[in-house]
Full PDB file with SEQRES, HELIX, SHEET, SSBOND, CRYST1, ORIGX, SCALE, CONECT and MASTER records, all heavy atoms in Angstrom:
SEQRES   1 A   42  ARG MET GLY GLU VAL LEU THR LEU GLN TRP ARG ASP VAL          
SEQRES   2 A   42  ASP LEU ASP HIS GLY ARG ALA VAL LEU ARG ASP VAL LYS          
SEQRES   3 A   42  ALA GLN HIS GLY VAL ARG ARG ASN ARG LEU CYS ASP LEU          
SEQRES   4 A   42  PRO PRO ALA                                                  
HELIX    1 AA1 MET A    2  LEU A    6  1                                   5    
HELIX    2 AA2 TRP A   10  ASP A   12  5                                   3    
HELIX    3 AA3 GLN A   28  GLY A   30  5                                   3    
SHEET    1 AA1 3 VAL A  13  ASP A  14  0                                        
SHEET    2 AA1 3 ARG A  19  VAL A  25 -1                                        
SHEET    3 AA1 3 ARG A  33  ASP A  38 -1                                        
CRYST1    1.000    1.000    1.000  90.00  90.00  90.00 P 1           1          
ORIGX1      1.000000  0.000000  0.000000        0.00000                         
ORIGX2      0.000000  1.000000  0.000000        0.00000                         
ORIGX3      0.000000  0.000000  1.000000        0.00000                         
SCALE1      1.000000  0.000000  0.000000        0.00000                         
SCALE2      0.000000  1.000000  0.000000        0.00000                         
SCALE3      0.000000  0.000000  1.000000        0.00000                         
ATOM      1  N   ARG A   1       9.860 -25.602 -63.996  1.00  0.00           N  
ATOM      2  CA  ARG A   1      11.018 -25.110 -63.276  1.00  0.00           C  
ATOM      3  C   ARG A   1      11.910 -24.323 -64.198  1.00  0.00           C  
ATOM      4  O   ARG A   1      11.919 -24.527 -65.420  1.00  0.00           O  
ATOM      5  CB  ARG A   1      11.798 -26.285 -62.661  1.00  0.00           C  
ATOM      6  CG  ARG A   1      10.944 -27.167 -61.729  1.00  0.00           C  
ATOM      7  CD  ARG A   1      11.742 -28.431 -61.337  1.00  0.00           C  
ATOM      8  NE  ARG A   1      11.008 -29.293 -60.460  1.00  0.00           N  
ATOM      9  CZ  ARG A   1      10.142 -30.214 -60.880  1.00  0.00           C  
ATOM     10  NH1 ARG A   1       9.954 -30.411 -62.169  1.00  0.00           N  
ATOM     11  NH2 ARG A   1       9.528 -30.966 -59.998  1.00  0.00           N  
ATOM     12  N   MET A   2      12.756 -23.443 -63.624  1.00  0.00           N  
ATOM     13  CA  MET A   2      13.625 -22.632 -64.461  1.00  0.00           C  
ATOM     14  C   MET A   2      14.544 -23.458 -65.322  1.00  0.00           C  
ATOM     15  O   MET A   2      14.760 -23.188 -66.481  1.00  0.00           O  
ATOM     16  CB  MET A   2      14.411 -21.641 -63.597  1.00  0.00           C  
ATOM     17  CG  MET A   2      15.416 -20.817 -64.430  1.00  0.00           C  
ATOM     18  SD  MET A   2      16.147 -19.414 -63.580  1.00  0.00           S  
ATOM     19  CE  MET A   2      14.945 -18.178 -63.853  1.00  0.00           C  
ATOM     20  N   GLY A   3      15.143 -24.525 -64.765  1.00  0.00           N  
ATOM     21  CA  GLY A   3      16.041 -25.362 -65.528  1.00  0.00           C  
ATOM     22  C   GLY A   3      15.351 -25.990 -66.695  1.00  0.00           C  
ATOM     23  O   GLY A   3      15.929 -26.144 -67.781  1.00  0.00           O  
ATOM     24  N   GLU A   4      14.076 -26.366 -66.524  1.00  0.00           N  
ATOM     25  CA  GLU A   4      13.303 -26.946 -67.638  1.00  0.00           C  
ATOM     26  C   GLU A   4      12.991 -25.889 -68.707  1.00  0.00           C  
ATOM     27  O   GLU A   4      12.971 -26.183 -69.921  1.00  0.00           O  
ATOM     28  CB  GLU A   4      12.032 -27.557 -67.096  1.00  0.00           C  
ATOM     29  CG  GLU A   4      12.251 -28.677 -66.088  1.00  0.00           C  
ATOM     30  CD  GLU A   4      11.036 -29.013 -65.244  1.00  0.00           C  
ATOM     31  OE1 GLU A   4       9.974 -28.352 -65.402  1.00  0.00           O  
ATOM     32  OE2 GLU A   4      11.164 -29.899 -64.404  1.00  0.00           O  
ATOM     33  N   VAL A   5      12.709 -24.685 -68.269  1.00  0.00           N  
ATOM     34  CA  VAL A   5      12.335 -23.599 -69.169  1.00  0.00           C  
ATOM     35  C   VAL A   5      13.541 -23.190 -70.019  1.00  0.00           C  
ATOM     36  O   VAL A   5      13.430 -22.962 -71.237  1.00  0.00           O  
ATOM     37  CB  VAL A   5      11.775 -22.420 -68.391  1.00  0.00           C  
ATOM     38  CG1 VAL A   5      11.677 -21.204 -69.268  1.00  0.00           C  
ATOM     39  CG2 VAL A   5      10.413 -22.770 -67.792  1.00  0.00           C  
ATOM     40  N   LEU A   6      14.709 -23.086 -69.400  1.00  0.00           N  
ATOM     41  CA  LEU A   6      15.864 -22.556 -70.116  1.00  0.00           C  
ATOM     42  C   LEU A   6      16.384 -23.557 -71.181  1.00  0.00           C  
ATOM     43  O   LEU A   6      17.100 -23.156 -72.076  1.00  0.00           O  
ATOM     44  CB  LEU A   6      16.973 -22.259 -69.126  1.00  0.00           C  
ATOM     45  CG  LEU A   6      16.672 -21.137 -68.100  1.00  0.00           C  
ATOM     46  CD1 LEU A   6      17.877 -20.844 -67.256  1.00  0.00           C  
ATOM     47  CD2 LEU A   6      16.259 -19.867 -68.824  1.00  0.00           C  
ATOM     48  N   THR A   7      16.010 -24.801 -71.052  1.00  0.00           N  
ATOM     49  CA  THR A   7      16.415 -25.795 -72.083  1.00  0.00           C  
ATOM     50  C   THR A   7      15.307 -26.093 -73.078  1.00  0.00           C  
ATOM     51  O   THR A   7      15.495 -26.970 -73.926  1.00  0.00           O  
ATOM     52  CB  THR A   7      16.869 -27.104 -71.384  1.00  0.00           C  
ATOM     53  OG1 THR A   7      15.815 -27.604 -70.544  1.00  0.00           O  
ATOM     54  CG2 THR A   7      18.102 -26.848 -70.539  1.00  0.00           C  
ATOM     55  N   LEU A   8      14.121 -25.452 -72.937  1.00  0.00           N  
ATOM     56  CA  LEU A   8      13.027 -25.702 -73.854  1.00  0.00           C  
ATOM     57  C   LEU A   8      13.418 -25.321 -75.274  1.00  0.00           C  
ATOM     58  O   LEU A   8      13.934 -24.226 -75.533  1.00  0.00           O  
ATOM     59  CB  LEU A   8      11.815 -24.896 -73.401  1.00  0.00           C  
ATOM     60  CG  LEU A   8      10.554 -25.013 -74.276  1.00  0.00           C  
ATOM     61  CD1 LEU A   8      10.009 -26.430 -74.222  1.00  0.00           C  
ATOM     62  CD2 LEU A   8       9.495 -23.997 -73.816  1.00  0.00           C  
ATOM     63  N   GLN A   9      13.147 -26.224 -76.224  1.00  0.00           N  
ATOM     64  CA  GLN A   9      13.467 -25.999 -77.616  1.00  0.00           C  
ATOM     65  C   GLN A   9      12.182 -25.688 -78.410  1.00  0.00           C  
ATOM     66  O   GLN A   9      11.095 -26.211 -78.097  1.00  0.00           O  
ATOM     67  CB  GLN A   9      14.116 -27.239 -78.194  1.00  0.00           C  
ATOM     68  CG  GLN A   9      15.377 -27.709 -77.477  1.00  0.00           C  
ATOM     69  CD  GLN A   9      16.564 -26.795 -77.759  1.00  0.00           C  
ATOM     70  OE1 GLN A   9      16.855 -26.474 -78.903  1.00  0.00           O  
ATOM     71  NE2 GLN A   9      17.301 -26.408 -76.685  1.00  0.00           N  
ATOM     72  N   TRP A  10      12.333 -24.908 -79.458  1.00  0.00           N  
ATOM     73  CA  TRP A  10      11.181 -24.579 -80.281  1.00  0.00           C  
ATOM     74  C   TRP A  10      10.575 -25.800 -80.913  1.00  0.00           C  
ATOM     75  O   TRP A  10       9.369 -25.848 -81.170  1.00  0.00           O  
ATOM     76  CB  TRP A  10      11.580 -23.545 -81.373  1.00  0.00           C  
ATOM     77  CG  TRP A  10      11.557 -22.127 -80.897  1.00  0.00           C  
ATOM     78  CD1 TRP A  10      12.619 -21.310 -80.741  1.00  0.00           C  
ATOM     79  CD2 TRP A  10      10.409 -21.370 -80.519  1.00  0.00           C  
ATOM     80  NE1 TRP A  10      12.223 -20.094 -80.266  1.00  0.00           N  
ATOM     81  CE2 TRP A  10      10.853 -20.087 -80.141  1.00  0.00           C  
ATOM     82  CE3 TRP A  10       9.055 -21.673 -80.448  1.00  0.00           C  
ATOM     83  CZ2 TRP A  10       9.978 -19.082 -79.704  1.00  0.00           C  
ATOM     84  CZ3 TRP A  10       8.151 -20.644 -80.046  1.00  0.00           C  
ATOM     85  CH2 TRP A  10       8.631 -19.388 -79.666  1.00  0.00           C  
ATOM     86  N   ARG A  11      11.365 -26.829 -81.217  1.00  0.00           N  
ATOM     87  CA  ARG A  11      10.815 -28.033 -81.840  1.00  0.00           C  
ATOM     88  C   ARG A  11       9.838 -28.762 -80.918  1.00  0.00           C  
ATOM     89  O   ARG A  11       9.059 -29.603 -81.343  1.00  0.00           O  
ATOM     90  CB  ARG A  11      11.928 -28.955 -82.231  1.00  0.00           C  
ATOM     91  CG  ARG A  11      12.739 -29.549 -81.091  1.00  0.00           C  
ATOM     92  CD  ARG A  11      13.744 -30.587 -81.529  1.00  0.00           C  
ATOM     93  NE  ARG A  11      14.550 -31.080 -80.463  1.00  0.00           N  
ATOM     94  CZ  ARG A  11      15.738 -30.612 -80.111  1.00  0.00           C  
ATOM     95  NH1 ARG A  11      16.241 -29.590 -80.785  1.00  0.00           N  
ATOM     96  NH2 ARG A  11      16.403 -31.119 -79.113  1.00  0.00           N  
ATOM     97  N   ASP A  12       9.886 -28.403 -79.598  1.00  0.00           N  
ATOM     98  CA  ASP A  12       8.981 -29.050 -78.644  1.00  0.00           C  
ATOM     99  C   ASP A  12       7.800 -28.145 -78.295  1.00  0.00           C  
ATOM    100  O   ASP A  12       7.094 -28.426 -77.298  1.00  0.00           O  
ATOM    101  CB  ASP A  12       9.734 -29.398 -77.345  1.00  0.00           C  
ATOM    102  CG  ASP A  12      10.784 -30.488 -77.567  1.00  0.00           C  
ATOM    103  OD1 ASP A  12      10.462 -31.389 -78.361  1.00  0.00           O  
ATOM    104  OD2 ASP A  12      11.864 -30.440 -76.970  1.00  0.00           O  
ATOM    105  N   VAL A  13       7.568 -27.109 -79.037  1.00  0.00           N  
ATOM    106  CA  VAL A  13       6.448 -26.174 -78.832  1.00  0.00           C  
ATOM    107  C   VAL A  13       5.481 -26.209 -79.981  1.00  0.00           C  
ATOM    108  O   VAL A  13       5.922 -26.100 -81.150  1.00  0.00           O  
ATOM    109  CB  VAL A  13       6.976 -24.739 -78.590  1.00  0.00           C  
ATOM    110  CG1 VAL A  13       5.816 -23.762 -78.430  1.00  0.00           C  
ATOM    111  CG2 VAL A  13       7.892 -24.656 -77.403  1.00  0.00           C  
ATOM    112  N   ASP A  14       4.224 -26.399 -79.690  1.00  0.00           N  
ATOM    113  CA  ASP A  14       3.161 -26.404 -80.692  1.00  0.00           C  
ATOM    114  C   ASP A  14       2.185 -25.288 -80.368  1.00  0.00           C  
ATOM    115  O   ASP A  14       1.264 -25.468 -79.548  1.00  0.00           O  
ATOM    116  CB  ASP A  14       2.482 -27.764 -80.705  1.00  0.00           C  
ATOM    117  CG  ASP A  14       1.393 -27.859 -81.783  1.00  0.00           C  
ATOM    118  OD1 ASP A  14       1.099 -26.831 -82.448  1.00  0.00           O  
ATOM    119  OD2 ASP A  14       0.812 -28.942 -81.972  1.00  0.00           O  
ATOM    120  N   LEU A  15       2.419 -24.110 -80.955  1.00  0.00           N  
ATOM    121  CA  LEU A  15       1.580 -22.953 -80.637  1.00  0.00           C  
ATOM    122  C   LEU A  15       0.156 -23.102 -81.193  1.00  0.00           C  
ATOM    123  O   LEU A  15      -0.792 -22.630 -80.600  1.00  0.00           O  
ATOM    124  CB  LEU A  15       2.199 -21.703 -81.179  1.00  0.00           C  
ATOM    125  CG  LEU A  15       3.530 -21.289 -80.532  1.00  0.00           C  
ATOM    126  CD1 LEU A  15       4.056 -19.992 -81.154  1.00  0.00           C  
ATOM    127  CD2 LEU A  15       3.383 -21.061 -79.026  1.00  0.00           C  
ATOM    128  N   ASP A  16       0.024 -23.764 -82.307  1.00  0.00           N  
ATOM    129  CA  ASP A  16      -1.291 -23.905 -82.918  1.00  0.00           C  
ATOM    130  C   ASP A  16      -2.229 -24.738 -82.044  1.00  0.00           C  
ATOM    131  O   ASP A  16      -3.466 -24.466 -81.999  1.00  0.00           O  
ATOM    132  CB  ASP A  16      -1.192 -24.614 -84.277  1.00  0.00           C  
ATOM    133  CG  ASP A  16      -0.482 -23.708 -85.298  1.00  0.00           C  
ATOM    134  OD1 ASP A  16      -0.526 -22.470 -85.137  1.00  0.00           O  
ATOM    135  OD2 ASP A  16       0.131 -24.256 -86.254  1.00  0.00           O  
ATOM    136  N   HIS A  17      -1.689 -25.716 -81.306  1.00  0.00           N  
ATOM    137  CA  HIS A  17      -2.560 -26.539 -80.461  1.00  0.00           C  
ATOM    138  C   HIS A  17      -2.325 -26.257 -78.977  1.00  0.00           C  
ATOM    139  O   HIS A  17      -2.863 -26.914 -78.082  1.00  0.00           O  
ATOM    140  CB  HIS A  17      -2.250 -28.037 -80.710  1.00  0.00           C  
ATOM    141  CG  HIS A  17      -2.605 -28.469 -82.102  1.00  0.00           C  
ATOM    142  ND1 HIS A  17      -1.687 -28.453 -83.148  1.00  0.00           N  
ATOM    143  CD2 HIS A  17      -3.799 -28.887 -82.647  1.00  0.00           C  
ATOM    144  CE1 HIS A  17      -2.290 -28.842 -84.266  1.00  0.00           C  
ATOM    145  NE2 HIS A  17      -3.549 -29.122 -84.004  1.00  0.00           N  
ATOM    146  N   GLY A  18      -1.475 -25.221 -78.668  1.00  0.00           N  
ATOM    147  CA  GLY A  18      -1.279 -24.810 -77.271  1.00  0.00           C  
ATOM    148  C   GLY A  18      -0.664 -25.875 -76.401  1.00  0.00           C  
ATOM    149  O   GLY A  18      -1.171 -26.131 -75.315  1.00  0.00           O  
ATOM    150  N   ARG A  19       0.471 -26.447 -76.870  1.00  0.00           N  
ATOM    151  CA  ARG A  19       1.127 -27.473 -76.085  1.00  0.00           C  
ATOM    152  C   ARG A  19       2.665 -27.332 -76.180  1.00  0.00           C  
ATOM    153  O   ARG A  19       3.199 -26.768 -77.141  1.00  0.00           O  
ATOM    154  CB  ARG A  19       0.717 -28.866 -76.555  1.00  0.00           C  
ATOM    155  CG  ARG A  19      -0.711 -29.219 -76.165  1.00  0.00           C  
ATOM    156  CD  ARG A  19      -0.964 -30.697 -76.346  1.00  0.00           C  
ATOM    157  NE  ARG A  19      -2.171 -31.108 -75.623  1.00  0.00           N  
ATOM    158  CZ  ARG A  19      -2.528 -32.365 -75.470  1.00  0.00           C  
ATOM    159  NH1 ARG A  19      -1.777 -33.323 -75.903  1.00  0.00           N  
ATOM    160  NH2 ARG A  19      -3.623 -32.682 -74.784  1.00  0.00           N  
ATOM    161  N   ALA A  20       3.346 -27.821 -75.152  1.00  0.00           N  
ATOM    162  CA  ALA A  20       4.798 -27.858 -75.126  1.00  0.00           C  
ATOM    163  C   ALA A  20       5.230 -29.082 -74.376  1.00  0.00           C  
ATOM    164  O   ALA A  20       4.591 -29.547 -73.449  1.00  0.00           O  
ATOM    165  CB  ALA A  20       5.334 -26.566 -74.487  1.00  0.00           C  
ATOM    166  N   VAL A  21       6.394 -29.607 -74.751  1.00  0.00           N  
ATOM    167  CA  VAL A  21       6.972 -30.777 -74.121  1.00  0.00           C  
ATOM    168  C   VAL A  21       8.228 -30.361 -73.358  1.00  0.00           C  
ATOM    169  O   VAL A  21       9.184 -29.791 -73.959  1.00  0.00           O  
ATOM    170  CB  VAL A  21       7.326 -31.882 -75.104  1.00  0.00           C  
ATOM    171  CG1 VAL A  21       7.977 -33.072 -74.426  1.00  0.00           C  
ATOM    172  CG2 VAL A  21       6.052 -32.354 -75.832  1.00  0.00           C  
ATOM    173  N   LEU A  22       8.271 -30.574 -72.077  1.00  0.00           N  
ATOM    174  CA  LEU A  22       9.466 -30.312 -71.255  1.00  0.00           C  
ATOM    175  C   LEU A  22      10.246 -31.610 -71.166  1.00  0.00           C  
ATOM    176  O   LEU A  22       9.718 -32.646 -70.732  1.00  0.00           O  
ATOM    177  CB  LEU A  22       9.041 -29.830 -69.846  1.00  0.00           C  
ATOM    178  CG  LEU A  22       8.220 -28.575 -69.819  1.00  0.00           C  
ATOM    179  CD1 LEU A  22       7.791 -28.238 -68.385  1.00  0.00           C  
ATOM    180  CD2 LEU A  22       8.951 -27.379 -70.402  1.00  0.00           C  
ATOM    181  N   ARG A  23      11.504 -31.598 -71.597  1.00  0.00           N  
ATOM    182  CA  ARG A  23      12.321 -32.811 -71.673  1.00  0.00           C  
ATOM    183  C   ARG A  23      13.132 -33.031 -70.389  1.00  0.00           C  
ATOM    184  O   ARG A  23      13.607 -32.091 -69.749  1.00  0.00           O  
ATOM    185  CB  ARG A  23      13.296 -32.682 -72.843  1.00  0.00           C  
ATOM    186  CG  ARG A  23      12.650 -32.487 -74.192  1.00  0.00           C  
ATOM    187  CD  ARG A  23      11.962 -33.707 -74.677  1.00  0.00           C  
ATOM    188  NE  ARG A  23      11.332 -33.510 -76.007  1.00  0.00           N  
ATOM    189  CZ  ARG A  23      10.641 -34.437 -76.640  1.00  0.00           C  
ATOM    190  NH1 ARG A  23      10.492 -35.627 -76.105  1.00  0.00           N  
ATOM    191  NH2 ARG A  23      10.119 -34.157 -77.815  1.00  0.00           N  
ATOM    192  N   ASP A  24      13.191 -34.300 -69.985  1.00  0.00           N  
ATOM    193  CA  ASP A  24      14.049 -34.734 -68.863  1.00  0.00           C  
ATOM    194  C   ASP A  24      13.721 -33.945 -67.610  1.00  0.00           C  
ATOM    195  O   ASP A  24      14.628 -33.363 -66.938  1.00  0.00           O  
ATOM    196  CB  ASP A  24      15.530 -34.562 -69.214  1.00  0.00           C  
ATOM    197  CG  ASP A  24      15.946 -35.479 -70.349  1.00  0.00           C  
ATOM    198  OD1 ASP A  24      15.390 -36.599 -70.431  1.00  0.00           O  
ATOM    199  OD2 ASP A  24      16.818 -35.064 -71.145  1.00  0.00           O  
ATOM    200  N   VAL A  25      12.448 -33.849 -67.246  1.00  0.00           N  
ATOM    201  CA  VAL A  25      12.079 -33.102 -66.052  1.00  0.00           C  
ATOM    202  C   VAL A  25      12.449 -33.911 -64.812  1.00  0.00           C  
ATOM    203  O   VAL A  25      12.591 -35.102 -64.832  1.00  0.00           O  
ATOM    204  CB  VAL A  25      10.577 -32.796 -66.034  1.00  0.00           C  
ATOM    205  CG1 VAL A  25      10.186 -31.943 -67.232  1.00  0.00           C  
ATOM    206  CG2 VAL A  25       9.746 -34.023 -65.962  1.00  0.00           C  
ATOM    207  N   LYS A  26      12.526 -33.199 -63.703  1.00  0.00           N  
ATOM    208  CA  LYS A  26      12.921 -33.787 -62.423  1.00  0.00           C  
ATOM    209  C   LYS A  26      11.808 -34.745 -61.967  1.00  0.00           C  
ATOM    210  O   LYS A  26      10.653 -34.504 -62.049  1.00  0.00           O  
ATOM    211  CB  LYS A  26      13.110 -32.657 -61.391  1.00  0.00           C  
ATOM    212  CG  LYS A  26      13.481 -33.159 -59.985  1.00  0.00           C  
ATOM    213  CD  LYS A  26      13.591 -31.937 -59.060  1.00  0.00           C  
ATOM    214  CE  LYS A  26      13.857 -32.375 -57.656  1.00  0.00           C  
ATOM    215  NZ  LYS A  26      13.945 -31.187 -56.730  1.00  0.00           N  
ATOM    216  N   ALA A  27      12.258 -35.904 -61.435  1.00  0.00           N  
ATOM    217  CA  ALA A  27      11.320 -36.892 -60.877  1.00  0.00           C  
ATOM    218  C   ALA A  27      11.997 -37.584 -59.704  1.00  0.00           C  
ATOM    219  O   ALA A  27      13.149 -37.311 -59.396  1.00  0.00           O  
ATOM    220  CB  ALA A  27      10.901 -37.879 -61.965  1.00  0.00           C  
ATOM    221  N   GLN A  28      11.259 -38.502 -59.086  1.00  0.00           N  
ATOM    222  CA  GLN A  28      11.795 -39.186 -57.927  1.00  0.00           C  
ATOM    223  C   GLN A  28      12.855 -40.215 -58.333  1.00  0.00           C  
ATOM    224  O   GLN A  28      12.858 -40.756 -59.420  1.00  0.00           O  
ATOM    225  CB  GLN A  28      10.665 -39.900 -57.204  1.00  0.00           C  
ATOM    226  CG  GLN A  28       9.944 -38.997 -56.195  1.00  0.00           C  
ATOM    227  CD  GLN A  28       9.110 -39.794 -55.220  1.00  0.00           C  
ATOM    228  OE1 GLN A  28       8.526 -40.785 -55.575  1.00  0.00           O  
ATOM    229  NE2 GLN A  28       9.073 -39.319 -53.983  1.00  0.00           N  
ATOM    230  N   HIS A  29      13.729 -40.532 -57.350  1.00  0.00           N  
ATOM    231  CA  HIS A  29      14.702 -41.636 -57.474  1.00  0.00           C  
ATOM    232  C   HIS A  29      15.652 -41.466 -58.681  1.00  0.00           C  
ATOM    233  O   HIS A  29      16.135 -42.422 -59.266  1.00  0.00           O  
ATOM    234  CB  HIS A  29      14.017 -42.983 -57.532  1.00  0.00           C  
ATOM    235  CG  HIS A  29      13.059 -43.203 -56.437  1.00  0.00           C  
ATOM    236  ND1 HIS A  29      13.403 -43.082 -55.090  1.00  0.00           N  
ATOM    237  CD2 HIS A  29      11.729 -43.499 -56.439  1.00  0.00           C  
ATOM    238  CE1 HIS A  29      12.342 -43.312 -54.341  1.00  0.00           C  
ATOM    239  NE2 HIS A  29      11.302 -43.573 -55.111  1.00  0.00           N  
ATOM    240  N   GLY A  30      15.932 -40.207 -59.050  1.00  0.00           N  
ATOM    241  CA  GLY A  30      16.861 -39.979 -60.132  1.00  0.00           C  
ATOM    242  C   GLY A  30      16.316 -40.252 -61.515  1.00  0.00           C  
ATOM    243  O   GLY A  30      17.008 -40.088 -62.504  1.00  0.00           O  
ATOM    244  N   VAL A  31      15.028 -40.735 -61.629  1.00  0.00           N  
ATOM    245  CA  VAL A  31      14.466 -40.991 -62.917  1.00  0.00           C  
ATOM    246  C   VAL A  31      13.944 -39.699 -63.563  1.00  0.00           C  
ATOM    247  O   VAL A  31      13.289 -38.895 -62.913  1.00  0.00           O  
ATOM    248  CB  VAL A  31      13.298 -42.003 -62.816  1.00  0.00           C  
ATOM    249  CG1 VAL A  31      12.661 -42.250 -64.174  1.00  0.00           C  
ATOM    250  CG2 VAL A  31      13.746 -43.284 -62.174  1.00  0.00           C  
ATOM    251  N   ARG A  32      14.310 -39.470 -64.801  1.00  0.00           N  
ATOM    252  CA  ARG A  32      13.877 -38.254 -65.480  1.00  0.00           C  
ATOM    253  C   ARG A  32      12.970 -38.635 -66.658  1.00  0.00           C  
ATOM    254  O   ARG A  32      13.178 -39.660 -67.290  1.00  0.00           O  
ATOM    255  CB  ARG A  32      15.076 -37.446 -65.980  1.00  0.00           C  
ATOM    256  CG  ARG A  32      16.055 -37.111 -64.862  1.00  0.00           C  
ATOM    257  CD  ARG A  32      17.170 -36.193 -65.330  1.00  0.00           C  
ATOM    258  NE  ARG A  32      16.762 -34.843 -65.373  1.00  0.00           N  
ATOM    259  CZ  ARG A  32      16.714 -33.984 -64.360  1.00  0.00           C  
ATOM    260  NH1 ARG A  32      17.094 -34.396 -63.157  1.00  0.00           N  
ATOM    261  NH2 ARG A  32      16.315 -32.747 -64.536  1.00  0.00           N  
ATOM    262  N   ARG A  33      11.960 -37.790 -66.935  1.00  0.00           N  
ATOM    263  CA  ARG A  33      11.000 -38.110 -67.967  1.00  0.00           C  
ATOM    264  C   ARG A  33      10.538 -36.846 -68.637  1.00  0.00           C  
ATOM    265  O   ARG A  33      10.871 -35.761 -68.201  1.00  0.00           O  
ATOM    266  CB  ARG A  33       9.850 -38.888 -67.367  1.00  0.00           C  
ATOM    267  CG  ARG A  33       9.147 -38.213 -66.196  1.00  0.00           C  
ATOM    268  CD  ARG A  33       7.971 -38.993 -65.685  1.00  0.00           C  
ATOM    269  NE  ARG A  33       7.341 -38.379 -64.562  1.00  0.00           N  
ATOM    270  CZ  ARG A  33       7.382 -38.851 -63.309  1.00  0.00           C  
ATOM    271  NH1 ARG A  33       8.085 -39.937 -63.064  1.00  0.00           N  
ATOM    272  NH2 ARG A  33       6.776 -38.263 -62.300  1.00  0.00           N  
ATOM    273  N   ASN A  34       9.754 -36.992 -69.683  1.00  0.00           N  
ATOM    274  CA  ASN A  34       9.189 -35.837 -70.368  1.00  0.00           C  
ATOM    275  C   ASN A  34       7.834 -35.470 -69.814  1.00  0.00           C  
ATOM    276  O   ASN A  34       7.090 -36.323 -69.329  1.00  0.00           O  
ATOM    277  CB  ASN A  34       9.029 -36.137 -71.876  1.00  0.00           C  
ATOM    278  CG  ASN A  34      10.404 -36.410 -72.507  1.00  0.00           C  
ATOM    279  OD1 ASN A  34      11.420 -35.985 -72.034  1.00  0.00           O  
ATOM    280  ND2 ASN A  34      10.378 -37.181 -73.621  1.00  0.00           N  
ATOM    281  N   ARG A  35       7.495 -34.202 -69.881  1.00  0.00           N  
ATOM    282  CA  ARG A  35       6.175 -33.745 -69.386  1.00  0.00           C  
ATOM    283  C   ARG A  35       5.496 -32.896 -70.428  1.00  0.00           C  
ATOM    284  O   ARG A  35       6.086 -31.944 -70.966  1.00  0.00           O  
ATOM    285  CB  ARG A  35       6.402 -32.909 -68.113  1.00  0.00           C  
ATOM    286  CG  ARG A  35       5.120 -32.254 -67.578  1.00  0.00           C  
ATOM    287  CD  ARG A  35       5.434 -31.269 -66.454  1.00  0.00           C  
ATOM    288  NE  ARG A  35       4.283 -30.382 -66.214  1.00  0.00           N  
ATOM    289  CZ  ARG A  35       4.406 -29.171 -65.661  1.00  0.00           C  
ATOM    290  NH1 ARG A  35       5.578 -28.713 -65.258  1.00  0.00           N  
ATOM    291  NH2 ARG A  35       3.337 -28.449 -65.490  1.00  0.00           N  
ATOM    292  N   LEU A  36       4.254 -33.231 -70.748  1.00  0.00           N  
ATOM    293  CA  LEU A  36       3.451 -32.501 -71.714  1.00  0.00           C  
ATOM    294  C   LEU A  36       2.663 -31.439 -71.011  1.00  0.00           C  
ATOM    295  O   LEU A  36       1.946 -31.717 -70.023  1.00  0.00           O  
ATOM    296  CB  LEU A  36       2.512 -33.449 -72.442  1.00  0.00           C  
ATOM    297  CG  LEU A  36       1.582 -32.803 -73.478  1.00  0.00           C  
ATOM    298  CD1 LEU A  36       2.406 -32.219 -74.634  1.00  0.00           C  
ATOM    299  CD2 LEU A  36       0.587 -33.832 -74.034  1.00  0.00           C  
ATOM    300  N   CYS A  37       2.795 -30.180 -71.452  1.00  0.00           N  
ATOM    301  CA  CYS A  37       2.121 -29.056 -70.827  1.00  0.00           C  
ATOM    302  C   CYS A  37       1.076 -28.442 -71.771  1.00  0.00           C  
ATOM    303  O   CYS A  37       1.378 -28.234 -72.942  1.00  0.00           O  
ATOM    304  CB  CYS A  37       3.089 -27.936 -70.421  1.00  0.00           C  
ATOM    305  SG  CYS A  37       4.323 -28.376 -69.231  1.00  0.00           S  
ATOM    306  N   ASP A  38      -0.122 -28.185 -71.255  1.00  0.00           N  
ATOM    307  CA  ASP A  38      -1.101 -27.379 -71.952  1.00  0.00           C  
ATOM    308  C   ASP A  38      -0.802 -25.929 -71.745  1.00  0.00           C  
ATOM    309  O   ASP A  38      -0.562 -25.481 -70.620  1.00  0.00           O  
ATOM    310  CB  ASP A  38      -2.523 -27.734 -71.464  1.00  0.00           C  
ATOM    311  CG  ASP A  38      -2.972 -29.107 -71.901  1.00  0.00           C  
ATOM    312  OD1 ASP A  38      -2.640 -29.484 -73.017  1.00  0.00           O  
ATOM    313  OD2 ASP A  38      -3.599 -29.786 -71.061  1.00  0.00           O  
ATOM    314  N   LEU A  39      -0.803 -25.127 -72.806  1.00  0.00           N  
ATOM    315  CA  LEU A  39      -0.467 -23.717 -72.722  1.00  0.00           C  
ATOM    316  C   LEU A  39      -1.731 -22.881 -72.727  1.00  0.00           C  
ATOM    317  O   LEU A  39      -2.440 -22.863 -73.736  1.00  0.00           O  
ATOM    318  CB  LEU A  39       0.413 -23.318 -73.879  1.00  0.00           C  
ATOM    319  CG  LEU A  39       1.728 -24.102 -74.044  1.00  0.00           C  
ATOM    320  CD1 LEU A  39       2.511 -23.579 -75.243  1.00  0.00           C  
ATOM    321  CD2 LEU A  39       2.596 -24.020 -72.780  1.00  0.00           C  
ATOM    322  N   PRO A  40      -1.995 -22.113 -71.659  1.00  0.00           N  
ATOM    323  CA  PRO A  40      -3.113 -21.178 -71.655  1.00  0.00           C  
ATOM    324  C   PRO A  40      -2.874 -20.103 -72.684  1.00  0.00           C  
ATOM    325  O   PRO A  40      -1.739 -19.917 -73.181  1.00  0.00           O  
ATOM    326  CB  PRO A  40      -3.116 -20.651 -70.253  1.00  0.00           C  
ATOM    327  CG  PRO A  40      -2.343 -21.646 -69.435  1.00  0.00           C  
ATOM    328  CD  PRO A  40      -1.335 -22.200 -70.358  1.00  0.00           C  
ATOM    329  N   PRO A  41      -3.926 -19.363 -73.071  1.00  0.00           N  
ATOM    330  CA  PRO A  41      -3.767 -18.311 -74.070  1.00  0.00           C  
ATOM    331  C   PRO A  41      -2.654 -17.288 -73.782  1.00  0.00           C  
ATOM    332  O   PRO A  41      -1.976 -16.848 -74.708  1.00  0.00           O  
ATOM    333  CB  PRO A  41      -5.147 -17.615 -74.082  1.00  0.00           C  
ATOM    334  CG  PRO A  41      -6.099 -18.708 -73.658  1.00  0.00           C  
ATOM    335  CD  PRO A  41      -5.318 -19.539 -72.665  1.00  0.00           C  
ATOM    336  N   ALA A  42      -2.466 -16.946 -72.507  1.00  0.00           N  
ATOM    337  CA  ALA A  42      -1.416 -15.954 -72.180  1.00  0.00           C  
ATOM    338  C   ALA A  42      -0.032 -16.477 -72.547  1.00  0.00           C  
ATOM    339  O   ALA A  42       0.831 -15.735 -73.014  1.00  0.00           O  
ATOM    340  CB  ALA A  42      -1.485 -15.624 -70.676  1.00  0.00           C  
TER     341      ALA A  42                                                      
MASTER        0    0    0    3    3    0    0    6  340    1    0    4          
END                                                                             
């Protein structure tokens, strides 16, 4: 989501292994959690 992208920090991005962590993403019942994303080559 845009809100998750705009708060993404470089410390949560691993370009060598193609991964990023989105912090405090939206979830049900007001609970927020982290989400690990696999990054395609693009």
